[in-house]
Amino acid sequence: MAPVDFITAAYAVTVAAGGIMGYVKRGSMPSLAMGVTCGSLMMYGAYQIAQDPKDVKLALVTSAILTGVMGYRFANSGKFMPAGLVGTLSLLMVCRLAYMMSVKQ
């Protein structure tokens, strides 16, 4: 089994599962496509981080995009689930990844 950054991997699984649930519950093809795509990108980012802790670019950009999109959806709908939750988790990931990138090692 290849090493991965477990926090980023858990976030990736959460995003992908959310997209799958959006499809199962509402038949939303965009939720499925974006959830699985972003989850896959984040999982690859988790692998990259395990190889080099400073290589956070892919994961950082992906989580920043999710922060913006889901934050916008939350602001418009006012519903915490799922947009507010994913937006909050994404913002936390952006903060974590930015910190990892800035720390001297």
C-alpha atoms as a PDB file:
ATOM      1  CA  MET A   1       0.000   0.000   0.000  1.00  0.00           C
ATOM      2  CA  ALA A   2       1.398   3.387  -1.002  1.00  0.00           C
ATOM      3  CA  PRO A   3       1.882   5.947   1.769  1.00  0.00           C
ATOM      4  CA  VAL A   4      -0.552   8.859   1.829  1.00  0.00           C
ATOM      5  CA  ASP A   5      -1.211  11.866   4.033  1.00  0.00           C
ATOM      6  CA  PHE A   6      -4.117  10.469   6.048  1.00  0.00           C
ATOM      7  CA  ILE A   7      -5.837  13.771   6.845  1.00  0.00           C
ATOM      8  CA  THR A   8      -5.880  14.758   3.182  1.00  0.00           C
ATOM      9  CA  ALA A   9      -6.974  11.243   2.205  1.00  0.00           C
ATOM     10  CA  ALA A  10      -9.866  11.348   4.691  1.00  0.00           C
ATOM     11  CA  TYR A  11     -10.941  14.697   3.241  1.00  0.00           C
ATOM     12  CA  ALA A  12     -10.705  13.228  -0.283  1.00  0.00           C
ATOM     13  CA  VAL A  13     -12.939  10.302   0.667  1.00  0.00           C
ATOM     14  CA  THR A  14     -15.429  12.682   2.299  1.00  0.00           C
ATOM     15  CA  VAL A  15     -15.633  14.840  -0.833  1.00  0.00           C
ATOM     16  CA  ALA A  16     -16.038  11.833  -3.143  1.00  0.00           C
ATOM     17  CA  ALA A  17     -18.649  10.255  -0.853  1.00  0.00           C
ATOM     18  CA  GLY A  18     -20.564  13.546  -0.786  1.00  0.00           C
ATOM     19  CA  GLY A  19     -20.676  13.614  -4.562  1.00  0.00           C
ATOM     20  CA  ILE A  20     -21.889  10.028  -4.674  1.00  0.00           C
ATOM     21  CA  MET A  21     -24.555  10.765  -2.054  1.00  0.00           C
ATOM     22  CA  GLY A  22     -25.718  13.790  -4.061  1.00  0.00           C
ATOM     23  CA  TYR A  23     -26.212  11.516  -7.032  1.00  0.00           C
ATOM     24  CA  VAL A  24     -27.933   8.758  -5.056  1.00  0.00           C
ATOM     25  CA  LYS A  25     -30.319  11.073  -3.178  1.00  0.00           C
ATOM     26  CA  ARG A  26     -31.106  13.653  -5.857  1.00  0.00           C
ATOM     27  CA  GLY A  27     -29.870  12.124  -9.102  1.00  0.00           C
ATOM     28  CA  SER A  28     -27.413  15.016  -9.466  1.00  0.00           C
ATOM     29  CA  MET A  29     -24.902  14.143 -12.163  1.00  0.00           C
ATOM     30  CA  PRO A  30     -22.859  17.351 -11.537  1.00  0.00           C
ATOM     31  CA  SER A  31     -22.490  16.376  -7.853  1.00  0.00           C
ATOM     32  CA  LEU A  32     -21.271  12.936  -8.839  1.00  0.00           C
ATOM     33  CA  ALA A  33     -18.824  14.257 -11.445  1.00  0.00           C
ATOM     34  CA  MET A  34     -17.388  17.026  -9.288  1.00  0.00           C
ATOM     35  CA  GLY A  35     -17.301  14.974  -6.089  1.00  0.00           C
ATOM     36  CA  VAL A  36     -15.456  12.079  -7.665  1.00  0.00           C
ATOM     37  CA  THR A  37     -13.145  14.359  -9.680  1.00  0.00           C
ATOM     38  CA  CYS A  38     -12.222  16.554  -6.713  1.00  0.00           C
ATOM     39  CA  GLY A  39     -11.944  13.526  -4.420  1.00  0.00           C
ATOM     40  CA  SER A  40      -9.582  11.833  -6.887  1.00  0.00           C
ATOM     41  CA  LEU A  41      -7.452  14.961  -7.245  1.00  0.00           C
ATOM     42  CA  MET A  42      -7.264  15.276  -3.471  1.00  0.00           C
ATOM     43  CA  MET A  43      -6.303  11.597  -3.102  1.00  0.00           C
ATOM     44  CA  TYR A  44      -3.475  12.094  -5.590  1.00  0.00           C
ATOM     45  CA  GLY A  45      -2.537  15.215  -3.633  1.00  0.00           C
ATOM     46  CA  ALA A  46      -2.428  13.098  -0.452  1.00  0.00           C
ATOM     47  CA  TYR A  47       0.018  10.763  -2.192  1.00  0.00           C
ATOM     48  CA  GLN A  48       2.155  13.717  -3.345  1.00  0.00           C
ATOM     49  CA  ILE A  49       2.243  15.141   0.189  1.00  0.00           C
ATOM     50  CA  ALA A  50       3.406  11.778   1.562  1.00  0.00           C
ATOM     51  CA  GLN A  51       6.278  11.804  -0.945  1.00  0.00           C
ATOM     52  CA  ASP A  52       7.245  15.443  -0.279  1.00  0.00           C
ATOM     53  CA  PRO A  53       5.479  17.370   2.526  1.00  0.00           C
ATOM     54  CA  LYS A  54       6.078  20.670   0.674  1.00  0.00           C
ATOM     55  CA  ASP A  55       4.347  19.435  -2.519  1.00  0.00           C
ATOM     56  CA  VAL A  56       0.870  20.671  -1.599  1.00  0.00           C
ATOM     57  CA  LYS A  57       0.033  22.644  -4.755  1.00  0.00           C
ATOM     58  CA  LEU A  58      -2.549  20.275  -6.267  1.00  0.00           C
ATOM     59  CA  ALA A  59      -4.313  19.655  -2.964  1.00  0.00           C
ATOM     60  CA  LEU A  60      -4.204  23.363  -2.085  1.00  0.00           C
ATOM     61  CA  VAL A  61      -5.699  24.504  -5.398  1.00  0.00           C
ATOM     62  CA  THR A  62      -8.389  21.800  -5.317  1.00  0.00           C
ATOM     63  CA  SER A  63      -9.444  22.601  -1.751  1.00  0.00           C
ATOM     64  CA  ALA A  64      -9.361  26.350  -2.495  1.00  0.00           C
ATOM     65  CA  ILE A  65     -11.717  25.841  -5.451  1.00  0.00           C
ATOM     66  CA  LEU A  66     -14.043  23.771  -3.265  1.00  0.00           C
ATOM     67  CA  THR A  67     -13.924  26.458  -0.567  1.00  0.00           C
ATOM     68  CA  GLY A  68     -15.016  29.089  -3.069  1.00  0.00           C
ATOM     69  CA  VAL A  69     -17.707  27.041  -4.803  1.00  0.00           C
ATOM     70  CA  MET A  70     -19.239  25.533  -1.694  1.00  0.00           C
ATOM     71  CA  GLY A  71     -18.900  28.772   0.291  1.00  0.00           C
ATOM     72  CA  TYR A  72     -20.804  30.564  -2.478  1.00  0.00           C
ATOM     73  CA  ARG A  73     -23.504  27.870  -2.471  1.00  0.00           C
ATOM     74  CA  PHE A  74     -23.798  28.085   1.321  1.00  0.00           C
ATOM     75  CA  ALA A  75     -24.069  31.885   1.199  1.00  0.00           C
ATOM     76  CA  ASN A  76     -26.868  31.642  -1.362  1.00  0.00           C
ATOM     77  CA  SER A  77     -28.836  28.790   0.211  1.00  0.00           C
ATOM     78  CA  GLY A  78     -28.140  29.301   3.909  1.00  0.00           C
ATOM     79  CA  LYS A  79     -28.196  25.504   4.294  1.00  0.00           C
ATOM     80  CA  PHE A  80     -25.283  24.046   6.216  1.00  0.00           C
ATOM     81  CA  MET A  81     -25.689  20.596   4.680  1.00  0.00           C
ATOM     82  CA  PRO A  82     -23.918  19.873   2.416  1.00  0.00           C
ATOM     83  CA  ALA A  83     -22.494  23.173   1.131  1.00  0.00           C
ATOM     84  CA  GLY A  84     -21.630  24.684   4.525  1.00  0.00           C
ATOM     85  CA  LEU A  85     -19.976  21.508   5.771  1.00  0.00           C
ATOM     86  CA  VAL A  86     -17.866  20.985   2.656  1.00  0.00           C
ATOM     87  CA  GLY A  87     -17.026  24.694   2.524  1.00  0.00           C
ATOM     88  CA  THR A  88     -15.879  24.634   6.150  1.00  0.00           C
ATOM     89  CA  LEU A  89     -13.834  21.447   5.729  1.00  0.00           C
ATOM     90  CA  SER A  90     -12.307  22.878   2.562  1.00  0.00           C
ATOM     91  CA  LEU A  91     -11.352  26.112   4.302  1.00  0.00           C
ATOM     92  CA  LEU A  92      -9.705  24.117   7.090  1.00  0.00           C
ATOM     93  CA  MET A  93      -7.759  22.131   4.471  1.00  0.00           C
ATOM     94  CA  VAL A  94      -6.634  25.354   2.764  1.00  0.00           C
ATOM     95  CA  CYS A  95      -5.341  26.643   6.116  1.00  0.00           C
ATOM     96  CA  ARG A  96      -3.585  23.349   6.891  1.00  0.00           C
ATOM     97  CA  LEU A  97      -1.984  23.061   3.461  1.00  0.00           C
ATOM     98  CA  ALA A  98      -0.886  26.709   3.415  1.00  0.00           C
ATOM     99  CA  TYR A  99       0.728  26.163   6.813  1.00  0.00           C
ATOM    100  CA  MET A 100       2.485  23.002   5.573  1.00  0.00           C
ATOM    101  CA  MET A 101       3.810  24.914   2.580  1.00  0.00           C
ATOM    102  CA  SER A 102       5.144  27.763   4.727  1.00  0.00           C
ATOM    103  CA  VAL A 103       6.853  25.733   7.449  1.00  0.00           C
ATOM    104  CA  LYS A 104      10.620  25.337   7.092  1.00  0.00           C
ATOM    105  CA  GLN A 105      11.788  21.739   7.082  1.00  0.00           C
END
